[in-house]
Amino acid sequence: IAFQSQFLLDGLIGVETEVACINMESPTRPALIQDVPGDAQPAFR
């Protein structure tokens, strides 16, 4: 999958946990970046 580099970085830099979760479906669909706060719901998407 491919992304505009700064758009990708803006999302990753916004993640405040040590690990980021990247959810994907296919190369032509958007991806969802979110924090990984353990058992809690993600605060940042």
ModelCIF file with pLDDT and N, C-alpha, C, O atoms, coordinates in Angstrom:
data_MODEL
#
_entry.id   MODEL 
#
_entity.id                         1 
_entity.type                       polymer 
_entity.pdbx_number_of_molecules   1 
#
_entity_poly.entity_id                      1 
_entity_poly.type                           'polypeptide(L)' 
_entity_poly.nstd_linkage                   no 
_entity_poly.nstd_monomer                   no 
_entity_poly.pdbx_seq_one_letter_code       IAFQSQFLLDGLIGVETEVACINMESPTRPALIQDVPGDAQPAFR 
_entity_poly.pdbx_seq_one_letter_code_can   IAFQSQFLLDGLIGVETEVACINMESPTRPALIQDVPGDAQPAFR 
_entity_poly.pdbx_strand_id                 A 
#
loop_
_entity_poly_seq.entity_id 
_entity_poly_seq.num 
_entity_poly_seq.mon_id 
_entity_poly_seq.hetero 
1 1  ILE n 
1 2  ALA n 
1 3  PHE n 
1 4  GLN n 
1 5  SER n 
1 6  GLN n 
1 7  PHE n 
1 8  LEU n 
1 9  LEU n 
1 10 ASP n 
1 11 GLY n 
1 12 LEU n 
1 13 ILE n 
1 14 GLY n 
1 15 VAL n 
1 16 GLU n 
1 17 THR n 
1 18 GLU n 
1 19 VAL n 
1 20 ALA n 
1 21 CYS n 
1 22 ILE n 
1 23 ASN n 
1 24 MET n 
1 25 GLU n 
1 26 SER n 
1 27 PRO n 
1 28 THR n 
1 29 ARG n 
1 30 PRO n 
1 31 ALA n 
1 32 LEU n 
1 33 ILE n 
1 34 GLN n 
1 35 ASP n 
1 36 VAL n 
1 37 PRO n 
1 38 GLY n 
1 39 ASP n 
1 40 ALA n 
1 41 GLN n 
1 42 PRO n 
1 43 ALA n 
1 44 PHE n 
1 45 ARG n 
#
_struct_asym.id          A 
_struct_asym.entity_id   1 
#
loop_
_ma_qa_metric.id 
_ma_qa_metric.mode 
_ma_qa_metric.name 
_ma_qa_metric.software_group_id 
_ma_qa_metric.type 
1 global pLDDT . pLDDT 
2 local  pLDDT . pLDDT 
#
_ma_qa_metric_global.metric_id      1 
_ma_qa_metric_global.metric_value   92.56 
_ma_qa_metric_global.model_id       1 
_ma_qa_metric_global.ordinal_id     1 
#
loop_
_ma_qa_metric_local.label_asym_id 
_ma_qa_metric_local.label_comp_id 
_ma_qa_metric_local.label_seq_id 
_ma_qa_metric_local.metric_id 
_ma_qa_metric_local.metric_value 
_ma_qa_metric_local.model_id 
_ma_qa_metric_local.ordinal_id 
A ILE 1  2 97.00 1 1  
A ALA 2  2 96.00 1 2  
A PHE 3  2 96.00 1 3  
A GLN 4  2 94.00 1 4  
A SER 5  2 93.00 1 5  
A GLN 6  2 93.00 1 6  
A PHE 7  2 95.00 1 7  
A LEU 8  2 96.00 1 8  
A LEU 9  2 96.00 1 9  
A ASP 10 2 96.00 1 10 
A GLY 11 2 97.00 1 11 
A LEU 12 2 98.00 1 12 
A ILE 13 2 97.00 1 13 
A GLY 14 2 96.00 1 14 
A VAL 15 2 96.00 1 15 
A GLU 16 2 94.00 1 16 
A THR 17 2 94.00 1 17 
A GLU 18 2 95.00 1 18 
A VAL 19 2 96.00 1 19 
A ALA 20 2 96.00 1 20 
A CYS 21 2 96.00 1 21 
A ILE 22 2 97.00 1 22 
A ASN 23 2 96.00 1 23 
A MET 24 2 96.00 1 24 
A GLU 25 2 95.00 1 25 
A SER 26 2 95.00 1 26 
A PRO 27 2 95.00 1 27 
A THR 28 2 94.00 1 28 
A ARG 29 2 94.00 1 29 
A PRO 30 2 96.00 1 30 
A ALA 31 2 97.00 1 31 
A LEU 32 2 97.00 1 32 
A ILE 33 2 97.00 1 33 
A GLN 34 2 96.00 1 34 
A ASP 35 2 94.00 1 35 
A VAL 36 2 86.00 1 36 
A PRO 37 2 76.00 1 37 
A GLY 38 2 68.00 1 38 
A ASP 39 2 64.00 1 39 
A ALA 40 2 71.00 1 40 
A GLN 41 2 80.00 1 41 
A PRO 42 2 88.00 1 42 
A ALA 43 2 93.00 1 43 
A PHE 44 2 96.00 1 44 
A ARG 45 2 97.00 1 45 
#
loop_
_atom_site.group_PDB 
_atom_site.id 
_atom_site.type_symbol 
_atom_site.label_atom_id 
_atom_site.label_alt_id 
_atom_site.label_comp_id 
_atom_site.label_asym_id 
_atom_site.label_entity_id 
_atom_site.label_seq_id 
_atom_site.pdbx_PDB_ins_code 
_atom_site.Cartn_x 
_atom_site.Cartn_y 
_atom_site.Cartn_z 
_atom_site.occupancy 
_atom_site.B_iso_or_equiv 
_atom_site.pdbx_formal_charge 
_atom_site.auth_seq_id 
_atom_site.auth_comp_id 
_atom_site.auth_asym_id 
_atom_site.auth_atom_id 
_atom_site.pdbx_PDB_model_num 
ATOM 1   N N  . ILE A 1 1  ? 0.854   -1.187 0.000  1.00 97.00 ? 1  ILE A N  1 
ATOM 2   C CA . ILE A 1 1  ? 0.000   0.000  0.000  1.00 97.00 ? 1  ILE A CA 1 
ATOM 3   C C  . ILE A 1 1  ? 0.889   1.236  0.000  1.00 97.00 ? 1  ILE A C  1 
ATOM 4   O O  . ILE A 1 1  ? 2.019   1.179  0.485  1.00 97.00 ? 1  ILE A O  1 
ATOM 5   N N  . ALA A 1 2  ? 0.401   2.349  -0.534 1.00 96.00 ? 2  ALA A N  1 
ATOM 6   C CA . ALA A 1 2  ? 1.216   3.568  -0.664 1.00 96.00 ? 2  ALA A CA 1 
ATOM 7   C C  . ALA A 1 2  ? 0.464   4.778  -0.124 1.00 96.00 ? 2  ALA A C  1 
ATOM 8   O O  . ALA A 1 2  ? -0.765  4.837  -0.176 1.00 96.00 ? 2  ALA A O  1 
ATOM 9   N N  . PHE A 1 3  ? 1.230   5.751  0.401  1.00 96.00 ? 3  PHE A N  1 
ATOM 10  C CA . PHE A 1 3  ? 0.649   6.962  0.966  1.00 96.00 ? 3  PHE A CA 1 
ATOM 11  C C  . PHE A 1 3  ? 1.524   8.166  0.621  1.00 96.00 ? 3  PHE A C  1 
ATOM 12  O O  . PHE A 1 3  ? 2.719   8.031  0.358  1.00 96.00 ? 3  PHE A O  1 
ATOM 13  N N  . GLN A 1 4  ? 0.900   9.350  0.629  1.00 94.00 ? 4  GLN A N  1 
ATOM 14  C CA . GLN A 1 4  ? 1.680   10.596 0.587  1.00 94.00 ? 4  GLN A CA 1 
ATOM 15  C C  . GLN A 1 4  ? 2.476   10.662 1.883  1.00 94.00 ? 4  GLN A C  1 
ATOM 16  O O  . GLN A 1 4  ? 1.904   10.501 2.961  1.00 94.00 ? 4  GLN A O  1 
ATOM 17  N N  . SER A 1 5  ? 3.780   10.896 1.802  1.00 93.00 ? 5  SER A N  1 
ATOM 18  C CA . SER A 1 5  ? 4.658   10.722 2.959  1.00 93.00 ? 5  SER A CA 1 
ATOM 19  C C  . SER A 1 5  ? 4.289   11.613 4.147  1.00 93.00 ? 5  SER A C  1 
ATOM 20  O O  . SER A 1 5  ? 4.258   11.138 5.282  1.00 93.00 ? 5  SER A O  1 
ATOM 21  N N  . GLN A 1 6  ? 4.007   12.904 3.903  1.00 93.00 ? 6  GLN A N  1 
ATOM 22  C CA . GLN A 1 6  ? 3.708   13.795 5.022  1.00 93.00 ? 6  GLN A CA 1 
ATOM 23  C C  . GLN A 1 6  ? 2.365   13.457 5.650  1.00 93.00 ? 6  GLN A C  1 
ATOM 24  O O  . GLN A 1 6  ? 2.212   13.561 6.867  1.00 93.00 ? 6  GLN A O  1 
ATOM 25  N N  . PHE A 1 7  ? 1.395   13.055 4.846  1.00 95.00 ? 7  PHE A N  1 
ATOM 26  C CA . PHE A 1 7  ? 0.111   12.640 5.397  1.00 95.00 ? 7  PHE A CA 1 
ATOM 27  C C  . PHE A 1 7  ? 0.296   11.435 6.318  1.00 95.00 ? 7  PHE A C  1 
ATOM 28  O O  . PHE A 1 7  ? -0.294  11.370 7.396  1.00 95.00 ? 7  PHE A O  1 
ATOM 29  N N  . LEU A 1 8  ? 1.115   10.489 5.886  1.00 96.00 ? 8  LEU A N  1 
ATOM 30  C CA . LEU A 1 8  ? 1.391   9.305  6.700  1.00 96.00 ? 8  LEU A CA 1 
ATOM 31  C C  . LEU A 1 8  ? 2.095   9.688  7.994  1.00 96.00 ? 8  LEU A C  1 
ATOM 32  O O  . LEU A 1 8  ? 1.741   9.195  9.064  1.00 96.00 ? 8  LEU A O  1 
ATOM 33  N N  . LEU A 1 9  ? 3.089   10.565 7.899  1.00 96.00 ? 9  LEU A N  1 
ATOM 34  C CA . LEU A 1 9  ? 3.829   10.984 9.089  1.00 96.00 ? 9  LEU A CA 1 
ATOM 35  C C  . LEU A 1 9  ? 2.944   11.749 10.072 1.00 96.00 ? 9  LEU A C  1 
ATOM 36  O O  . LEU A 1 9  ? 3.058   11.563 11.283 1.00 96.00 ? 9  LEU A O  1 
ATOM 37  N N  . ASP A 1 10 ? 2.066   12.602 9.559  1.00 96.00 ? 10 ASP A N  1 
ATOM 38  C CA . ASP A 1 10 ? 1.177   13.353 10.453 1.00 96.00 ? 10 ASP A CA 1 
ATOM 39  C C  . ASP A 1 10 ? 0.344   12.407 11.313 1.00 96.00 ? 10 ASP A C  1 
ATOM 40  O O  . ASP A 1 10 ? 0.127   12.667 12.496 1.00 96.00 ? 10 ASP A O  1 
ATOM 41  N N  . GLY A 1 11 ? -0.116  11.320 10.725 1.00 97.00 ? 11 GLY A N  1 
ATOM 42  C CA . GLY A 1 11 ? -0.897  10.361 11.487 1.00 97.00 ? 11 GLY A CA 1 
ATOM 43  C C  . GLY A 1 11 ? -0.070  9.618  12.509 1.00 97.00 ? 11 GLY A C  1 
ATOM 44  O O  . GLY A 1 11 ? -0.497  9.456  13.652 1.00 97.00 ? 11 GLY A O  1 
ATOM 45  N N  . LEU A 1 12 ? 1.102   9.167  12.121 1.00 98.00 ? 12 LEU A N  1 
ATOM 46  C CA . LEU A 1 12 ? 1.951   8.405  13.035 1.00 98.00 ? 12 LEU A CA 1 
ATOM 47  C C  . LEU A 1 12 ? 2.470   9.267  14.179 1.00 98.00 ? 12 LEU A C  1 
ATOM 48  O O  . LEU A 1 12 ? 2.538   8.810  15.320 1.00 98.00 ? 12 LEU A O  1 
ATOM 49  N N  . ILE A 1 13 ? 2.836   10.515 13.879 1.00 97.00 ? 13 ILE A N  1 
ATOM 50  C CA . ILE A 1 13 ? 3.341   11.412 14.924 1.00 97.00 ? 13 ILE A CA 1 
ATOM 51  C C  . ILE A 1 13 ? 2.250   11.733 15.937 1.00 97.00 ? 13 ILE A C  1 
ATOM 52  O O  . ILE A 1 13 ? 2.542   12.014 17.099 1.00 97.00 ? 13 ILE A O  1 
ATOM 53  N N  . GLY A 1 14 ? 0.986   11.691 15.498 1.00 96.00 ? 14 GLY A N  1 
ATOM 54  C CA . GLY A 1 14 ? -0.114  11.945 16.418 1.00 96.00 ? 14 GLY A CA 1 
ATOM 55  C C  . GLY A 1 14 ? -0.362  10.835 17.413 1.00 96.00 ? 14 GLY A C  1 
ATOM 56  O O  . GLY A 1 14 ? -1.052  11.045 18.411 1.00 96.00 ? 14 GLY A O  1 
ATOM 57  N N  . VAL A 1 15 ? 0.189   9.649  17.162 1.00 96.00 ? 15 VAL A N  1 
ATOM 58  C CA . VAL A 1 15 ? 0.013   8.516  18.080 1.00 96.00 ? 15 VAL A CA 1 
ATOM 59  C C  . VAL A 1 15 ? 0.893   8.716  19.309 1.00 96.00 ? 15 VAL A C  1 
ATOM 60  O O  . VAL A 1 15 ? 2.104   8.899  19.182 1.00 96.00 ? 15 VAL A O  1 
ATOM 61  N N  . GLU A 1 16 ? 0.297   8.681  20.492 1.00 94.00 ? 16 GLU A N  1 
ATOM 62  C CA . GLU A 1 16 ? 1.044   8.944  21.724 1.00 94.00 ? 16 GLU A CA 1 
ATOM 63  C C  . GLU A 1 16 ? 1.458   7.669  22.449 1.00 94.00 ? 16 GLU A C  1 
ATOM 64  O O  . GLU A 1 16 ? 2.209   7.736  23.423 1.00 94.00 ? 16 GLU A O  1 
ATOM 65  N N  . THR A 1 17 ? 0.986   6.504  21.995 1.00 94.00 ? 17 THR A N  1 
ATOM 66  C CA . THR A 1 17 ? 1.453   5.253  22.559 1.00 94.00 ? 17 THR A CA 1 
ATOM 67  C C  . THR A 1 17 ? 2.702   4.798  21.812 1.00 94.00 ? 17 THR A C  1 
ATOM 68  O O  . THR A 1 17 ? 2.980   5.284  20.715 1.00 94.00 ? 17 THR A O  1 
ATOM 69  N N  . GLU A 1 18 ? 3.460   3.862  22.402 1.00 95.00 ? 18 GLU A N  1 
ATOM 70  C CA . GLU A 1 18 ? 4.708   3.415  21.783 1.00 95.00 ? 18 GLU A CA 1 
ATOM 71  C C  . GLU A 1 18 ? 4.467   2.667  20.484 1.00 95.00 ? 18 GLU A C  1 
ATOM 72  O O  . GLU A 1 18 ? 5.302   2.677  19.579 1.00 95.00 ? 18 GLU A O  1 
ATOM 73  N N  . VAL A 1 19 ? 3.316   2.019  20.405 1.00 96.00 ? 19 VAL A N  1 
ATOM 74  C CA . VAL A 1 19 ? 2.986   1.220  19.225 1.00 96.00 ? 19 VAL A CA 1 
ATOM 75  C C  . VAL A 1 19 ? 1.773   1.822  18.527 1.00 96.00 ? 19 VAL A C  1 
ATOM 76  O O  . VAL A 1 19 ? 0.811   2.230  19.178 1.00 96.00 ? 19 VAL A O  1 
ATOM 77  N N  . ALA A 1 20 ? 1.824   1.873  17.210 1.00 96.00 ? 20 ALA A N  1 
ATOM 78  C CA . ALA A 1 20 ? 0.686   2.317  16.405 1.00 96.00 ? 20 ALA A CA 1 
ATOM 79  C C  . ALA A 1 20 ? 0.057   1.114  15.729 1.00 96.00 ? 20 ALA A C  1 
ATOM 80  O O  . ALA A 1 20 ? 0.750   0.186  15.312 1.00 96.00 ? 20 ALA A O  1 
ATOM 81  N N  . CYS A 1 21 ? -1.253  1.139  15.626 1.00 96.00 ? 21 CYS A N  1 
ATOM 82  C CA . CYS A 1 21 ? -1.992  0.106  14.911 1.00 96.00 ? 21 CYS A CA 1 
ATOM 83  C C  . CYS A 1 21 ? -2.431  0.677  13.566 1.00 96.00 ? 21 CYS A C  1 
ATOM 84  O O  . CYS A 1 21 ? -3.039  1.745  13.515 1.00 96.00 ? 21 CYS A O  1 
ATOM 85  N N  . ILE A 1 22 ? -2.126  -0.028 12.481 1.00 97.00 ? 22 ILE A N  1 
ATOM 86  C CA . ILE A 1 22 ? -2.524  0.393  11.137 1.00 97.00 ? 22 ILE A CA 1 
ATOM 87  C C  . ILE A 1 22 ? -3.513  -0.641 10.601 1.00 97.00 ? 22 ILE A C  1 
ATOM 88  O O  . ILE A 1 22 ? -3.154  -1.791 10.347 1.00 97.00 ? 22 ILE A O  1 
ATOM 89  N N  . ASN A 1 23 ? -4.755  -0.213 10.437 1.00 96.00 ? 23 ASN A N  1 
ATOM 90  C CA . ASN A 1 23 ? -5.807  -1.088 9.936  1.00 96.00 ? 23 ASN A CA 1 
ATOM 91  C C  . ASN A 1 23 ? -5.986  -0.871 8.441  1.00 96.00 ? 23 ASN A C  1 
ATOM 92  O O  . ASN A 1 23 ? -6.088  0.270  7.989  1.00 96.00 ? 23 ASN A O  1 
ATOM 93  N N  . MET A 1 24 ? -6.026  -1.958 7.666  1.00 96.00 ? 24 MET A N  1 
ATOM 94  C CA . MET A 1 24 ? -6.124  -1.861 6.208  1.00 96.00 ? 24 MET A CA 1 
ATOM 95  C C  . MET A 1 24 ? -7.098  -2.898 5.668  1.00 96.00 ? 24 MET A C  1 
ATOM 96  O O  . MET A 1 24 ? -7.394  -3.899 6.321  1.00 96.00 ? 24 MET A O  1 
ATOM 97  N N  . GLU A 1 25 ? -7.592  -2.635 4.455  1.00 95.00 ? 25 GLU A N  1 
ATOM 98  C CA . GLU A 1 25 ? -8.465  -3.581 3.757  1.00 95.00 ? 25 GLU A CA 1 
ATOM 99  C C  . GLU A 1 25 ? -7.865  -4.004 2.425  1.00 95.00 ? 25 GLU A C  1 
ATOM 100 O O  . GLU A 1 25 ? -7.801  -5.191 2.107  1.00 95.00 ? 25 GLU A O  1 
ATOM 101 N N  . SER A 1 26 ? -7.420  -3.003 1.640  1.00 95.00 ? 26 SER A N  1 
ATOM 102 C CA . SER A 1 26 ? -6.851  -3.281 0.320  1.00 95.00 ? 26 SER A CA 1 
ATOM 103 C C  . SER A 1 26 ? -5.958  -2.111 -0.072 1.00 95.00 ? 26 SER A C  1 
ATOM 104 O O  . SER A 1 26 ? -6.025  -1.055 0.556  1.00 95.00 ? 26 SER A O  1 
ATOM 105 N N  . PRO A 1 27 ? -5.115  -2.277 -1.107 1.00 95.00 ? 27 PRO A N  1 
ATOM 106 C CA . PRO A 1 27 ? -4.220  -1.194 -1.529 1.00 95.00 ? 27 PRO A CA 1 
ATOM 107 C C  . PRO A 1 27 ? -4.941  0.044  -2.036 1.00 95.00 ? 27 PRO A C  1 
ATOM 108 O O  . PRO A 1 27 ? -4.347  1.120  -2.101 1.00 95.00 ? 27 PRO A O  1 
ATOM 109 N N  . THR A 1 28 ? -6.207  -0.091 -2.393 1.00 94.00 ? 28 THR A N  1 
ATOM 110 C CA . THR A 1 28 ? -6.938  1.041  -2.961 1.00 94.00 ? 28 THR A CA 1 
ATOM 111 C C  . THR A 1 28 ? -7.900  1.693  -1.980 1.00 94.00 ? 28 THR A C  1 
ATOM 112 O O  . THR A 1 28 ? -8.604  2.637  -2.339 1.00 94.00 ? 28 THR A O  1 
ATOM 113 N N  . ARG A 1 29 ? -7.939  1.204  -0.752 1.00 94.00 ? 29 ARG A N  1 
ATOM 114 C CA . ARG A 1 29 ? -8.838  1.749  0.256  1.00 94.00 ? 29 ARG A CA 1 
ATOM 115 C C  . ARG A 1 29 ? -8.039  2.535  1.300  1.00 94.00 ? 29 ARG A C  1 
ATOM 116 O O  . ARG A 1 29 ? -6.854  2.266  1.493  1.00 94.00 ? 29 ARG A O  1 
ATOM 117 N N  . PRO A 1 30 ? -8.680  3.515  1.985  1.00 96.00 ? 30 PRO A N  1 
ATOM 118 C CA . PRO A 1 30 ? -7.982  4.236  3.048  1.00 96.00 ? 30 PRO A CA 1 
ATOM 119 C C  . PRO A 1 30 ? -7.549  3.292  4.175  1.00 96.00 ? 30 PRO A C  1 
ATOM 120 O O  . PRO A 1 30 ? -8.102  2.205  4.341  1.00 96.00 ? 30 PRO A O  1 
ATOM 121 N N  . ALA A 1 31 ? -6.554  3.732  4.938  1.00 97.00 ? 31 ALA A N  1 
ATOM 122 C CA . ALA A 1 31 ? -6.090  2.998  6.111  1.00 97.00 ? 31 ALA A CA 1 
ATOM 123 C C  . ALA A 1 31 ? -6.386  3.821  7.357  1.00 97.00 ? 31 ALA A C  1 
ATOM 124 O O  . ALA A 1 31 ? -6.425  5.051  7.312  1.00 97.00 ? 31 ALA A O  1 
ATOM 125 N N  . LEU A 1 32 ? -6.593  3.128  8.464  1.00 97.00 ? 32 LEU A N  1 
ATOM 126 C CA . LEU A 1 32 ? -6.870  3.792  9.741  1.00 97.00 ? 32 LEU A CA 1 
ATOM 127 C C  . LEU A 1 32 ? -5.707  3.567  10.690 1.00 97.00 ? 32 LEU A C  1 
ATOM 128 O O  . LEU A 1 32 ? -5.406  2.435  11.070 1.00 97.00 ? 32 LEU A O  1 
ATOM 129 N N  . ILE A 1 33 ? -5.054  4.665  11.070 1.00 97.00 ? 33 ILE A N  1 
ATOM 130 C CA . ILE A 1 33 ? -3.982  4.630  12.065 1.00 97.00 ? 33 ILE A CA 1 
ATOM 131 C C  . ILE A 1 33 ? -4.574  5.007  13.412 1.00 97.00 ? 33 ILE A C  1 
ATOM 132 O O  . ILE A 1 33 ? -5.346  5.962  13.502 1.00 97.00 ? 33 ILE A O  1 
ATOM 133 N N  . GLN A 1 34 ? -4.226  4.271  14.459 1.00 96.00 ? 34 GLN A N  1 
ATOM 134 C CA . GLN A 1 34 ? -4.745  4.600  15.791 1.00 96.00 ? 34 GLN A CA 1 
ATOM 135 C C  . GLN A 1 34 ? -3.729  4.227  16.851 1.00 96.00 ? 34 GLN A C  1 
ATOM 136 O O  . GLN A 1 34 ? -2.795  3.466  16.598 1.00 96.00 ? 34 GLN A O  1 
ATOM 137 N N  . ASP A 1 35 ? -3.924  4.779  18.052 1.00 94.00 ? 35 ASP A N  1 
ATOM 138 C CA . ASP A 1 35 ? -3.070  4.407  19.159 1.00 94.00 ? 35 ASP A CA 1 
ATOM 139 C C  . ASP A 1 35 ? -3.488  3.032  19.688 1.00 94.00 ? 35 ASP A C  1 
ATOM 140 O O  . ASP A 1 35 ? -4.553  2.520  19.342 1.00 94.00 ? 35 ASP A O  1 
ATOM 141 N N  . VAL A 1 36 ? -2.651  2.455  20.514 1.00 86.00 ? 36 VAL A N  1 
ATOM 142 C CA . VAL A 1 36 ? -2.916  1.131  21.082 1.00 86.00 ? 36 VAL A CA 1 
ATOM 143 C C  . VAL A 1 36 ? -2.842  1.246  22.599 1.00 86.00 ? 36 VAL A C  1 
ATOM 144 O O  . VAL A 1 36 ? -1.802  0.951  23.189 1.00 86.00 ? 36 VAL A O  1 
ATOM 145 N N  . PRO A 1 37 ? -3.949  1.678  23.249 1.00 76.00 ? 37 PRO A N  1 
ATOM 146 C CA . PRO A 1 37 ? -3.922  1.947  24.688 1.00 76.00 ? 37 PRO A CA 1 
ATOM 147 C C  . PRO A 1 37 ? -4.242  0.739  25.559 1.00 76.00 ? 37 PRO A C  1 
ATOM 148 O O  . PRO A 1 37 ? -4.852  0.900  26.617 1.00 76.00 ? 37 PRO A O  1 
ATOM 149 N N  . GLY A 1 38 ? -3.854  -0.454 25.154 1.00 68.00 ? 38 GLY A N  1 
ATOM 150 C CA . GLY A 1 38 ? -4.159  -1.645 25.939 1.00 68.00 ? 38 GLY A CA 1 
ATOM 151 C C  . GLY A 1 38 ? -5.593  -2.087 25.708 1.00 68.00 ? 38 GLY A C  1 
ATOM 152 O O  . GLY A 1 38 ? -6.030  -2.254 24.569 1.00 68.00 ? 38 GLY A O  1 
ATOM 153 N N  . ASP A 1 39 ? -6.327  -2.276 26.814 1.00 64.00 ? 39 ASP A N  1 
ATOM 154 C CA . ASP A 1 39 ? -7.697  -2.758 26.709 1.00 64.00 ? 39 ASP A CA 1 
ATOM 155 C C  . ASP A 1 39 ? -8.699  -1.636 26.436 1.00 64.00 ? 39 ASP A C  1 
ATOM 156 O O  . ASP A 1 39 ? -9.853  -1.910 26.109 1.00 64.00 ? 39 ASP A O  1 
ATOM 157 N N  . ALA A 1 40 ? -8.270  -0.369 26.567 1.00 71.00 ? 40 ALA A N  1 
ATOM 158 C CA . ALA A 1 40 ? -9.189  0.753  26.400 1.00 71.00 ? 40 ALA A CA 1 
ATOM 159 C C  . ALA A 1 40 ? -9.440  1.035  24.922 1.00 71.00 ? 40 ALA A C  1 
ATOM 160 O O  . ALA A 1 40 ? -8.720  0.554  24.046 1.00 71.00 ? 40 ALA A O  1 
ATOM 161 N N  . GLN A 1 41 ? -10.477 1.825  24.672 1.00 80.00 ? 41 GLN A N  1 
ATOM 162 C CA . GLN A 1 41 ? -10.768 2.257  23.308 1.00 80.00 ? 41 GLN A CA 1 
ATOM 163 C C  . GLN A 1 41 ? -9.695  3.242  22.838 1.00 80.00 ? 41 GLN A C  1 
ATOM 164 O O  . GLN A 1 41 ? -9.183  4.009  23.653 1.00 80.00 ? 41 GLN A O  1 
ATOM 165 N N  . PRO A 1 42 ? -9.344  3.245  21.563 1.00 88.00 ? 42 PRO A N  1 
ATOM 166 C CA . PRO A 1 42 ? -8.340  4.214  21.083 1.00 88.00 ? 42 PRO A CA 1 
ATOM 167 C C  . PRO A 1 42 ? -8.841  5.637  21.247 1.00 88.00 ? 42 PRO A C  1 
ATOM 168 O O  . PRO A 1 42 ? -10.002 5.935  20.970 1.00 88.00 ? 42 PRO A O  1 
ATOM 169 N N  . ALA A 1 43 ? -7.948  6.518  21.703 1.00 93.00 ? 43 ALA A N  1 
ATOM 170 C CA . ALA A 1 43 ? -8.315  7.929  21.874 1.00 93.00 ? 43 ALA A CA 1 
ATOM 171 C C  . ALA A 1 43 ? -8.074  8.719  20.596 1.00 93.00 ? 43 ALA A C  1 
ATOM 172 O O  . ALA A 1 43 ? -8.755  9.710  20.334 1.00 93.00 ? 43 ALA A O  1 
ATOM 173 N N  . PHE A 1 44 ? -7.100  8.277  19.800 1.00 96.00 ? 44 PHE A N  1 
ATOM 174 C CA . PHE A 1 44 ? -6.726  8.991  18.576 1.00 96.00 ? 44 PHE A CA 1 
ATOM 175 C C  . PHE A 1 44 ? -6.904  8.068  17.387 1.00 96.00 ? 44 PHE A C  1 
ATOM 176 O O  . PHE A 1 44 ? -6.443  6.926  17.398 1.00 96.00 ? 44 PHE A O  1 
ATOM 177 N N  . ARG A 1 45 ? -7.583  8.575  16.349 1.00 97.00 ? 45 ARG A N  1 
ATOM 178 C CA . ARG A 1 45 ? -7.776  7.816  15.113 1.00 97.00 ? 45 ARG A CA 1 
ATOM 179 C C  . ARG A 1 45 ? -7.499  8.736  13.925 1.00 97.00 ? 45 ARG A C  1 
ATOM 180 O O  . ARG A 1 45 ? -7.601  8.307  12.775 1.00 97.00 ? 45 ARG A O  1 
#
